[in-house]
Amino acid sequence: MIVGLGDWNEAASPEDRVAFAFQLWSDDSQYNVGIVGSEQTIWSSGVLGRILAREEALRHPRLKDVFDLSDHIVDHDRPLADYLDGRD
């Protein structure tokens, strides 16, 4: 997955945002998130902003927002949660 964080107002450009690439999976007891770098994803930079390298993403002040968003995704996107849980 990928998420772009930063300024999204109409006057903003992709240079005003950064993108975090991450993997989302489940095991027997929980959902897991792993931050990956730009070289480990098929996503490309664009409207979401520059994709951060893994080390840069792990130090970024908005990293907590990525984890909060991933929690929100699995709590509210039932088809995705079903897929992750093997109930597709």
PDB file of N, CA and C in Angstrom:
ATOM      1  N   MET A   1       0.840  -1.157   0.000  1.00  0.00           N
ATOM      2  CA  MET A   1       0.000   0.000   0.000  1.00  0.00           C
ATOM      3  C   MET A   1       0.897   1.235   0.000  1.00  0.00           C
ATOM      4  N   ILE A   2       0.289   2.358  -0.289  1.00  0.00           N
ATOM      5  CA  ILE A   2       1.016   3.617  -0.266  1.00  0.00           C
ATOM      6  C   ILE A   2       0.060   4.709   0.205  1.00  0.00           C
ATOM      7  N   VAL A   3       0.591   5.650   0.960  1.00  0.00           N
ATOM      8  CA  VAL A   3      -0.193   6.789   1.425  1.00  0.00           C
ATOM      9  C   VAL A   3       0.650   8.051   1.280  1.00  0.00           C
ATOM     10  N   GLY A   4       0.015   9.103   0.789  1.00  0.00           N
ATOM     11  CA  GLY A   4       0.686  10.394   0.653  1.00  0.00           C
ATOM     12  C   GLY A   4       0.211  11.340   1.741  1.00  0.00           C
ATOM     13  N   LEU A   5       1.141  11.906   2.482  1.00  0.00           N
ATOM     14  CA  LEU A   5       0.815  12.832   3.574  1.00  0.00           C
ATOM     15  C   LEU A   5       1.472  14.175   3.325  1.00  0.00           C
ATOM     16  N   GLY A   6       0.779  15.217   3.698  1.00  0.00           N
ATOM     17  CA  GLY A   6       1.304  16.562   3.537  1.00  0.00           C
ATOM     18  C   GLY A   6       0.183  17.514   3.175  1.00  0.00           C
ATOM     19  N   ASP A   7       0.511  18.529   2.410  1.00  0.00           N
ATOM     20  CA  ASP A   7      -0.436  19.576   2.044  1.00  0.00           C
ATOM     21  C   ASP A   7      -1.240  19.152   0.815  1.00  0.00           C
ATOM     22  N   TRP A   8      -2.553  19.081   0.974  1.00  0.00           N
ATOM     23  CA  TRP A   8      -3.444  18.680  -0.117  1.00  0.00           C
ATOM     24  C   TRP A   8      -4.362  19.814  -0.553  1.00  0.00           C
ATOM     25  N   ASN A   9      -4.100  21.053  -0.166  1.00  0.00           N
ATOM     26  CA  ASN A   9      -4.994  22.114  -0.626  1.00  0.00           C
ATOM     27  C   ASN A   9      -4.779  22.346  -2.120  1.00  0.00           C
ATOM     28  N   GLU A  10      -5.693  23.052  -2.742  1.00  0.00           N
ATOM     29  CA  GLU A  10      -5.691  23.208  -4.197  1.00  0.00           C
ATOM     30  C   GLU A  10      -4.410  23.830  -4.748  1.00  0.00           C
ATOM     31  N   ALA A  11      -3.754  24.662  -3.970  1.00  0.00           N
ATOM     32  CA  ALA A  11      -2.528  25.309  -4.441  1.00  0.00           C
ATOM     33  C   ALA A  11      -1.291  24.442  -4.233  1.00  0.00           C
ATOM     34  N   ALA A  12      -1.433  23.334  -3.519  1.00  0.00           N
ATOM     35  CA  ALA A  12      -0.287  22.475  -3.203  1.00  0.00           C
ATOM     36  C   ALA A  12       0.088  21.621  -4.409  1.00  0.00           C
ATOM     37  N   SER A  13       1.325  21.180  -4.413  1.00  0.00           N
ATOM     38  CA  SER A  13       1.830  20.301  -5.462  1.00  0.00           C
ATOM     39  C   SER A  13       2.403  19.041  -4.809  1.00  0.00           C
ATOM     40  N   PRO A  14       2.735  18.027  -5.606  1.00  0.00           N
ATOM     41  CA  PRO A  14       3.329  16.818  -5.028  1.00  0.00           C
ATOM     42  C   PRO A  14       4.594  17.075  -4.208  1.00  0.00           C
ATOM     43  N   GLU A  15       5.304  18.155  -4.504  1.00  0.00           N
ATOM     44  CA  GLU A  15       6.505  18.486  -3.730  1.00  0.00           C
ATOM     45  C   GLU A  15       6.175  18.862  -2.297  1.00  0.00           C
ATOM     46  N   ASP A  16       4.897  19.136  -2.010  1.00  0.00           N
ATOM     47  CA  ASP A  16       4.454  19.488  -0.659  1.00  0.00           C
ATOM     48  C   ASP A  16       4.041  18.262   0.153  1.00  0.00           C
ATOM     49  N   ARG A  17       4.256  17.072  -0.420  1.00  0.00           N
ATOM     50  CA  ARG A  17       3.837  15.830   0.240  1.00  0.00           C
ATOM     51  C   ARG A  17       4.961  14.805   0.181  1.00  0.00           C
ATOM     52  N   VAL A  18       4.868  13.822   1.053  1.00  0.00           N
ATOM     53  CA  VAL A  18       5.740  12.649   0.997  1.00  0.00           C
ATOM     54  C   VAL A  18       4.852  11.416   1.027  1.00  0.00           C
ATOM     55  N   ALA A  19       5.351  10.345   0.453  1.00  0.00           N
ATOM     56  CA  ALA A  19       4.590   9.105   0.405  1.00  0.00           C
ATOM     57  C   ALA A  19       5.320   8.016   1.181  1.00  0.00           C
ATOM     58  N   PHE A  20       4.540   7.240   1.902  1.00  0.00           N
ATOM     59  CA  PHE A  20       5.049   6.103   2.667  1.00  0.00           C
ATOM     60  C   PHE A  20       4.534   4.831   2.005  1.00  0.00           C
ATOM     61  N   ALA A  21       5.427   3.938   1.651  1.00  0.00           N
ATOM     62  CA  ALA A  21       5.036   2.630   1.119  1.00  0.00           C
ATOM     63  C   ALA A  21       5.072   1.638   2.277  1.00  0.00           C
ATOM     64  N   PHE A  22       4.052   0.792   2.332  1.00  0.00           N
ATOM     65  CA  PHE A  22       4.028  -0.194   3.417  1.00  0.00           C
ATOM     66  C   PHE A  22       3.299  -1.455   2.997  1.00  0.00           C
ATOM     67  N   GLN A  23       3.597  -2.521   3.708  1.00  0.00           N
ATOM     68  CA  GLN A  23       2.902  -3.792   3.542  1.00  0.00           C
ATOM     69  C   GLN A  23       1.934  -3.942   4.700  1.00  0.00           C
ATOM     70  N   LEU A  24       0.803  -4.557   4.425  1.00  0.00           N
ATOM     71  CA  LEU A  24      -0.214  -4.807   5.443  1.00  0.00           C
ATOM     72  C   LEU A  24      -0.602  -6.269   5.326  1.00  0.00           C
ATOM     73  N   TRP A  25      -0.496  -7.007   6.427  1.00  0.00           N
ATOM     74  CA  TRP A  25      -0.845  -8.422   6.425  1.00  0.00           C
ATOM     75  C   TRP A  25      -1.377  -8.808   7.798  1.00  0.00           C
ATOM     76  N   SER A  26      -1.960  -9.989   7.858  1.00  0.00           N
ATOM     77  CA  SER A  26      -2.461 -10.473   9.142  1.00  0.00           C
ATOM     78  C   SER A  26      -1.814 -11.810   9.463  1.00  0.00           C
ATOM     79  N   ASP A  27      -1.774 -12.102  10.757  1.00  0.00           N
ATOM     80  CA  ASP A  27      -1.384 -13.435  11.203  1.00  0.00           C
ATOM     81  C   ASP A  27      -2.522 -13.950  12.074  1.00  0.00           C
ATOM     82  N   ASP A  28      -2.286 -14.935  12.879  1.00  0.00           N
ATOM     83  CA  ASP A  28      -3.362 -15.545  13.665  1.00  0.00           C
ATOM     84  C   ASP A  28      -4.006 -14.606  14.673  1.00  0.00           C
ATOM     85  N   SER A  29      -3.309 -13.556  15.080  1.00  0.00           N
ATOM     86  CA  SER A  29      -3.848 -12.738  16.164  1.00  0.00           C
ATOM     87  C   SER A  29      -3.940 -11.241  15.891  1.00  0.00           C
ATOM     88  N   GLN A  30      -3.332 -10.752  14.817  1.00  0.00           N
ATOM     89  CA  GLN A  30      -3.309  -9.300  14.621  1.00  0.00           C
ATOM     90  C   GLN A  30      -3.001  -8.946  13.180  1.00  0.00           C
ATOM     91  N   TYR A  31      -3.193  -7.661  12.876  1.00  0.00           N
ATOM     92  CA  TYR A  31      -2.759  -7.103  11.608  1.00  0.00           C
ATOM     93  C   TYR A  31      -1.375  -6.512  11.819  1.00  0.00           C
ATOM     94  N   ASN A  32      -0.562  -6.561  10.794  1.00  0.00           N
ATOM     95  CA  ASN A  32       0.812  -6.095  10.877  1.00  0.00           C
ATOM     96  C   ASN A  32       1.087  -5.104   9.764  1.00  0.00           C
ATOM     97  N   VAL A  33       1.957  -4.146  10.052  1.00  0.00           N
ATOM     98  CA  VAL A  33       2.359  -3.144   9.081  1.00  0.00           C
ATOM     99  C   VAL A  33       3.879  -3.134   9.022  1.00  0.00           C
ATOM    100  N   GLY A  34       4.403  -3.167   7.823  1.00  0.00           N
ATOM    101  CA  GLY A  34       5.842  -3.071   7.624  1.00  0.00           C
ATOM    102  C   GLY A  34       6.150  -1.976   6.626  1.00  0.00           C
ATOM    103  N   ILE A  35       6.930  -1.015   7.039  1.00  0.00           N
ATOM    104  CA  ILE A  35       7.328   0.073   6.158  1.00  0.00           C
ATOM    105  C   ILE A  35       8.371  -0.451   5.180  1.00  0.00           C
ATOM    106  N   VAL A  36       8.185  -0.141   3.908  1.00  0.00           N
ATOM    107  CA  VAL A  36       9.152  -0.534   2.885  1.00  0.00           C
ATOM    108  C   VAL A  36       9.634   0.713   2.168  1.00  0.00           C
ATOM    109  N   GLY A  37      10.756   0.593   1.505  1.00  0.00           N
ATOM    110  CA  GLY A  37      11.323   1.723   0.784  1.00  0.00           C
ATOM    111  C   GLY A  37      10.842   1.786  -0.653  1.00  0.00           C
ATOM    112  N   SER A  38      11.143   2.886  -1.290  1.00  0.00           N
ATOM    113  CA  SER A  38      10.710   3.104  -2.666  1.00  0.00           C
ATOM    114  C   SER A  38      11.223   2.028  -3.610  1.00  0.00           C
ATOM    115  N   GLU A  39      12.381   1.463  -3.321  1.00  0.00           N
ATOM    116  CA  GLU A  39      12.952   0.431  -4.179  1.00  0.00           C
ATOM    117  C   GLU A  39      12.277  -0.927  -3.983  1.00  0.00           C
ATOM    118  N   GLN A  40      11.426  -1.056  -2.983  1.00  0.00           N
ATOM    119  CA  GLN A  40      10.762  -2.320  -2.678  1.00  0.00           C
ATOM    120  C   GLN A  40       9.286  -2.316  -3.050  1.00  0.00           C
ATOM    121  N   THR A  41       8.867  -1.374  -3.862  1.00  0.00           N
ATOM    122  CA  THR A  41       7.457  -1.279  -4.197  1.00  0.00           C
ATOM    123  C   THR A  41       7.279  -1.057  -5.694  1.00  0.00           C
ATOM    124  N   ILE A  42       6.116  -1.426  -6.184  1.00  0.00           N
ATOM    125  CA  ILE A  42       5.795  -1.168  -7.586  1.00  0.00           C
ATOM    126  C   ILE A  42       5.230   0.231  -7.773  1.00  0.00           C
ATOM    127  N   TRP A  43       4.891   0.905  -6.670  1.00  0.00           N
ATOM    128  CA  TRP A  43       4.336   2.245  -6.741  1.00  0.00           C
ATOM    129  C   TRP A  43       5.400   3.214  -7.218  1.00  0.00           C
ATOM    130  N   SER A  44       4.965   4.267  -7.858  1.00  0.00           N
ATOM    131  CA  SER A  44       5.908   5.301  -8.282  1.00  0.00           C
ATOM    132  C   SER A  44       5.464   6.644  -7.709  1.00  0.00           C
ATOM    133  N   SER A  45       6.420   7.531  -7.573  1.00  0.00           N
ATOM    134  CA  SER A  45       6.093   8.873  -7.101  1.00  0.00           C
ATOM    135  C   SER A  45       5.173   9.531  -8.112  1.00  0.00           C
ATOM    136  N   GLY A  46       4.433  10.461  -7.657  1.00  0.00           N
ATOM    137  CA  GLY A  46       3.488  11.168  -8.520  1.00  0.00           C
ATOM    138  C   GLY A  46       2.716  12.130  -7.666  1.00  0.00           C
ATOM    139  N   VAL A  47       1.417  12.122  -7.826  1.00  0.00           N
ATOM    140  CA  VAL A  47       0.564  13.055  -7.098  1.00  0.00           C
ATOM    141  C   VAL A  47       0.687  12.883  -5.582  1.00  0.00           C
ATOM    142  N   LEU A  48       1.030  11.681  -5.115  1.00  0.00           N
ATOM    143  CA  LEU A  48       1.149  11.440  -3.673  1.00  0.00           C
ATOM    144  C   LEU A  48       2.400  12.044  -3.060  1.00  0.00           C
ATOM    145  N   GLY A  49       3.368  12.383  -3.867  1.00  0.00           N
ATOM    146  CA  GLY A  49       4.622  12.929  -3.369  1.00  0.00           C
ATOM    147  C   GLY A  49       5.755  11.933  -3.522  1.00  0.00           C
ATOM    148  N   ARG A  50       6.925  12.361  -3.147  1.00  0.00           N
ATOM    149  CA  ARG A  50       8.120  11.513  -3.235  1.00  0.00           C
ATOM    150  C   ARG A  50       7.993  10.353  -2.258  1.00  0.00           C
ATOM    151  N   ILE A  51       8.243   9.138  -2.740  1.00  0.00           N
ATOM    152  CA  ILE A  51       8.209   7.969  -1.867  1.00  0.00           C
ATOM    153  C   ILE A  51       9.503   7.937  -1.062  1.00  0.00           C
ATOM    154  N   LEU A  52       9.345   7.875   0.239  1.00  0.00           N
ATOM    155  CA  LEU A  52      10.503   7.899   1.129  1.00  0.00           C
ATOM    156  C   LEU A  52      11.239   6.566   1.129  1.00  0.00           C
ATOM    157  N   ALA A  53      12.547   6.635   1.277  1.00  0.00           N
ATOM    158  CA  ALA A  53      13.335   5.439   1.540  1.00  0.00           C
ATOM    159  C   ALA A  53      12.919   4.915   2.915  1.00  0.00           C
ATOM    160  N   ARG A  54      13.075   3.628   3.140  1.00  0.00           N
ATOM    161  CA  ARG A  54      12.612   3.021   4.393  1.00  0.00           C
ATOM    162  C   ARG A  54      13.210   3.706   5.616  1.00  0.00           C
ATOM    163  N   GLU A  55      14.518   3.925   5.613  1.00  0.00           N
ATOM    164  CA  GLU A  55      15.174   4.531   6.768  1.00  0.00           C
ATOM    165  C   GLU A  55      14.655   5.943   7.022  1.00  0.00           C
ATOM    166  N   GLU A  56      14.426   6.678   5.952  1.00  0.00           N
ATOM    167  CA  GLU A  56      13.889   8.029   6.074  1.00  0.00           C
ATOM    168  C   GLU A  56      12.461   7.985   6.617  1.00  0.00           C
ATOM    169  N   ALA A  57      11.663   7.049   6.123  1.00  0.00           N
ATOM    170  CA  ALA A  57      10.276   6.906   6.580  1.00  0.00           C
ATOM    171  C   ALA A  57      10.219   6.558   8.065  1.00  0.00           C
ATOM    172  N   LEU A  58      11.117   5.695   8.510  1.00  0.00           N
ATOM    173  CA  LEU A  58      11.114   5.285   9.919  1.00  0.00           C
ATOM    174  C   LEU A  58      11.490   6.418  10.865  1.00  0.00           C
ATOM    175  N   ARG A  59      12.167   7.444  10.364  1.00  0.00           N
ATOM    176  CA  ARG A  59      12.539   8.605  11.178  1.00  0.00           C
ATOM    177  C   ARG A  59      11.594   9.788  10.995  1.00  0.00           C
ATOM    178  N   HIS A  60      10.674   9.669  10.055  1.00  0.00           N
ATOM    179  CA  HIS A  60       9.827  10.809   9.686  1.00  0.00           C
ATOM    180  C   HIS A  60       8.814  11.115  10.793  1.00  0.00           C
ATOM    181  N   PRO A  61       8.573  12.399  11.094  1.00  0.00           N
ATOM    182  CA  PRO A  61       7.617  12.760  12.154  1.00  0.00           C
ATOM    183  C   PRO A  61       6.166  12.349  11.854  1.00  0.00           C
ATOM    184  N   ARG A  62       5.824  12.046  10.606  1.00  0.00           N
ATOM    185  CA  ARG A  62       4.454  11.638  10.275  1.00  0.00           C
ATOM    186  C   ARG A  62       4.270  10.120  10.272  1.00  0.00           C
ATOM    187  N   LEU A  63       5.271   9.359  10.671  1.00  0.00           N
ATOM    188  CA  LEU A  63       5.175   7.893  10.660  1.00  0.00           C
ATOM    189  C   LEU A  63       3.996   7.406  11.489  1.00  0.00           C
ATOM    190  N   LYS A  64       3.752   8.004  12.641  1.00  0.00           N
ATOM    191  CA  LYS A  64       2.630   7.589  13.487  1.00  0.00           C
ATOM    192  C   LYS A  64       1.308   7.707  12.726  1.00  0.00           C
ATOM    193  N   ASP A  65       1.192   8.717  11.863  1.00  0.00           N
ATOM    194  CA  ASP A  65      -0.025   8.880  11.061  1.00  0.00           C
ATOM    195  C   ASP A  65      -0.241   7.694  10.129  1.00  0.00           C
ATOM    196  N   VAL A  66       0.837   7.130   9.612  1.00  0.00           N
ATOM    197  CA  VAL A  66       0.727   5.959   8.741  1.00  0.00           C
ATOM    198  C   VAL A  66       0.155   4.785   9.528  1.00  0.00           C
ATOM    199  N   PHE A  67       0.657   4.572  10.735  1.00  0.00           N
ATOM    200  CA  PHE A  67       0.146   3.472  11.559  1.00  0.00           C
ATOM    201  C   PHE A  67      -1.299   3.726  11.974  1.00  0.00           C
ATOM    202  N   ASP A  68      -1.632   4.959  12.305  1.00  0.00           N
ATOM    203  CA  ASP A  68      -3.025   5.283  12.638  1.00  0.00           C
ATOM    204  C   ASP A  68      -3.936   5.026  11.443  1.00  0.00           C
ATOM    205  N   LEU A  69      -3.490   5.417  10.259  1.00  0.00           N
ATOM    206  CA  LEU A  69      -4.286   5.205   9.055  1.00  0.00           C
ATOM    207  C   LEU A  69      -4.441   3.726   8.738  1.00  0.00           C
ATOM    208  N   SER A  70      -3.391   2.954   8.903  1.00  0.00           N
ATOM    209  CA  SER A  70      -3.501   1.510   8.634  1.00  0.00           C
ATOM    210  C   SER A  70      -4.474   0.860   9.620  1.00  0.00           C
ATOM    211  N   ASP A  71      -4.488   1.294  10.863  1.00  0.00           N
ATOM    212  CA  ASP A  71      -5.477   0.794  11.827  1.00  0.00           C
ATOM    213  C   ASP A  71      -6.892   1.137  11.367  1.00  0.00           C
ATOM    214  N   HIS A  72      -7.067   2.356  10.910  1.00  0.00           N
ATOM    215  CA  HIS A  72      -8.382   2.797  10.428  1.00  0.00           C
ATOM    216  C   HIS A  72      -8.813   1.964   9.212  1.00  0.00           C
ATOM    217  N   ILE A  73      -7.886   1.681   8.327  1.00  0.00           N
ATOM    218  CA  ILE A  73      -8.203   0.898   7.129  1.00  0.00           C
ATOM    219  C   ILE A  73      -8.749  -0.472   7.508  1.00  0.00           C
ATOM    220  N   VAL A  74      -8.045  -1.201   8.364  1.00  0.00           N
ATOM    221  CA  VAL A  74      -8.510  -2.559   8.689  1.00  0.00           C
ATOM    222  C   VAL A  74      -9.753  -2.542   9.565  1.00  0.00           C
ATOM    223  N   ASP A  75      -9.982  -1.459  10.319  1.00  0.00           N
ATOM    224  CA  ASP A  75     -11.194  -1.350  11.125  1.00  0.00           C
ATOM    225  C   ASP A  75     -12.424  -1.045  10.278  1.00  0.00           C
ATOM    226  N   HIS A  76     -12.247  -0.348   9.139  1.00  0.00           N
ATOM    227  CA  HIS A  76     -13.395   0.153   8.397  1.00  0.00           C
ATOM    228  C   HIS A  76     -13.525  -0.365   6.968  1.00  0.00           C
ATOM    229  N   ASP A  77     -12.522  -1.031   6.448  1.00  0.00           N
ATOM    230  CA  ASP A  77     -12.614  -1.591   5.094  1.00  0.00           C
ATOM    231  C   ASP A  77     -12.815  -3.100   5.226  1.00  0.00           C
ATOM    232  N   ARG A  78     -14.081  -3.478   5.401  1.00  0.00           N
ATOM    233  CA  ARG A  78     -14.404  -4.886   5.653  1.00  0.00           C
ATOM    234  C   ARG A  78     -13.919  -5.815   4.542  1.00  0.00           C
ATOM    235  N   PRO A  79     -14.113  -5.477   3.245  1.00  0.00           N
ATOM    236  CA  PRO A  79     -13.594  -6.382   2.212  1.00  0.00           C
ATOM    237  C   PRO A  79     -12.082  -6.600   2.303  1.00  0.00           C
ATOM    238  N   LEU A  80     -11.332  -5.552   2.610  1.00  0.00           N
ATOM    239  CA  LEU A  80      -9.886  -5.713   2.743  1.00  0.00           C
ATOM    240  C   LEU A  80      -9.557  -6.570   3.959  1.00  0.00           C
ATOM    241  N   ALA A  81     -10.198  -6.312   5.091  1.00  0.00           N
ATOM    242  CA  ALA A  81      -9.952  -7.115   6.297  1.00  0.00           C
ATOM    243  C   ALA A  81     -10.302  -8.580   6.035  1.00  0.00           C
ATOM    244  N   ASP A  82     -11.403  -8.822   5.340  1.00  0.00           N
ATOM    245  CA  ASP A  82     -11.770 -10.203   5.006  1.00  0.00           C
ATOM    246  C   ASP A  82     -10.691 -10.851   4.138  1.00  0.00           C
ATOM    247  N   TYR A  83     -10.192 -10.109   3.170  1.00  0.00           N
ATOM    248  CA  TYR A  83      -9.121 -10.627   2.329  1.00  0.00           C
ATOM    249  C   TYR A  83      -7.879 -10.954   3.153  1.00  0.00           C
ATOM    250  N   LEU A  84      -7.463 -10.032   4.017  1.00  0.00           N
ATOM    251  CA  LEU A  84      -6.293 -10.263   4.856  1.00  0.00           C
ATOM    252  C   LEU A  84      -6.462 -11.451   5.773  1.00  0.00           C
ATOM    253  N   ASP A  85      -7.715 -11.678   6.196  1.00  0.00           N
ATOM    254  CA  ASP A  85      -8.014 -12.803   7.088  1.00  0.00           C
ATOM    255  C   ASP A  85      -8.290 -14.098   6.332  1.00  0.00           C
ATOM    256  N   GLY A  86      -8.153 -14.074   5.005  1.00  0.00           N
ATOM    257  CA  GLY A  86      -8.362 -15.285   4.213  1.00  0.00           C
ATOM    258  C   GLY A  86      -9.827 -15.607   3.968  1.00  0.00           C
ATOM    259  N   ARG A  87     -10.687 -14.597   4.087  1.00  0.00           N
ATOM    260  CA  ARG A  87     -12.116 -14.830   3.866  1.00  0.00           C
ATOM    261  C   ARG A  87     -12.576 -14.132   2.590  1.00  0.00           C
ATOM    262  N   ASP A  88     -11.817 -14.247   1.539  1.00  0.00           N
ATOM    263  CA  ASP A  88     -12.175 -13.546   0.304  1.00  0.00           C
ATOM    264  C   ASP A  88     -13.166 -14.280  -0.494  1.00  0.00           C
TER     265      ASP A  88
END
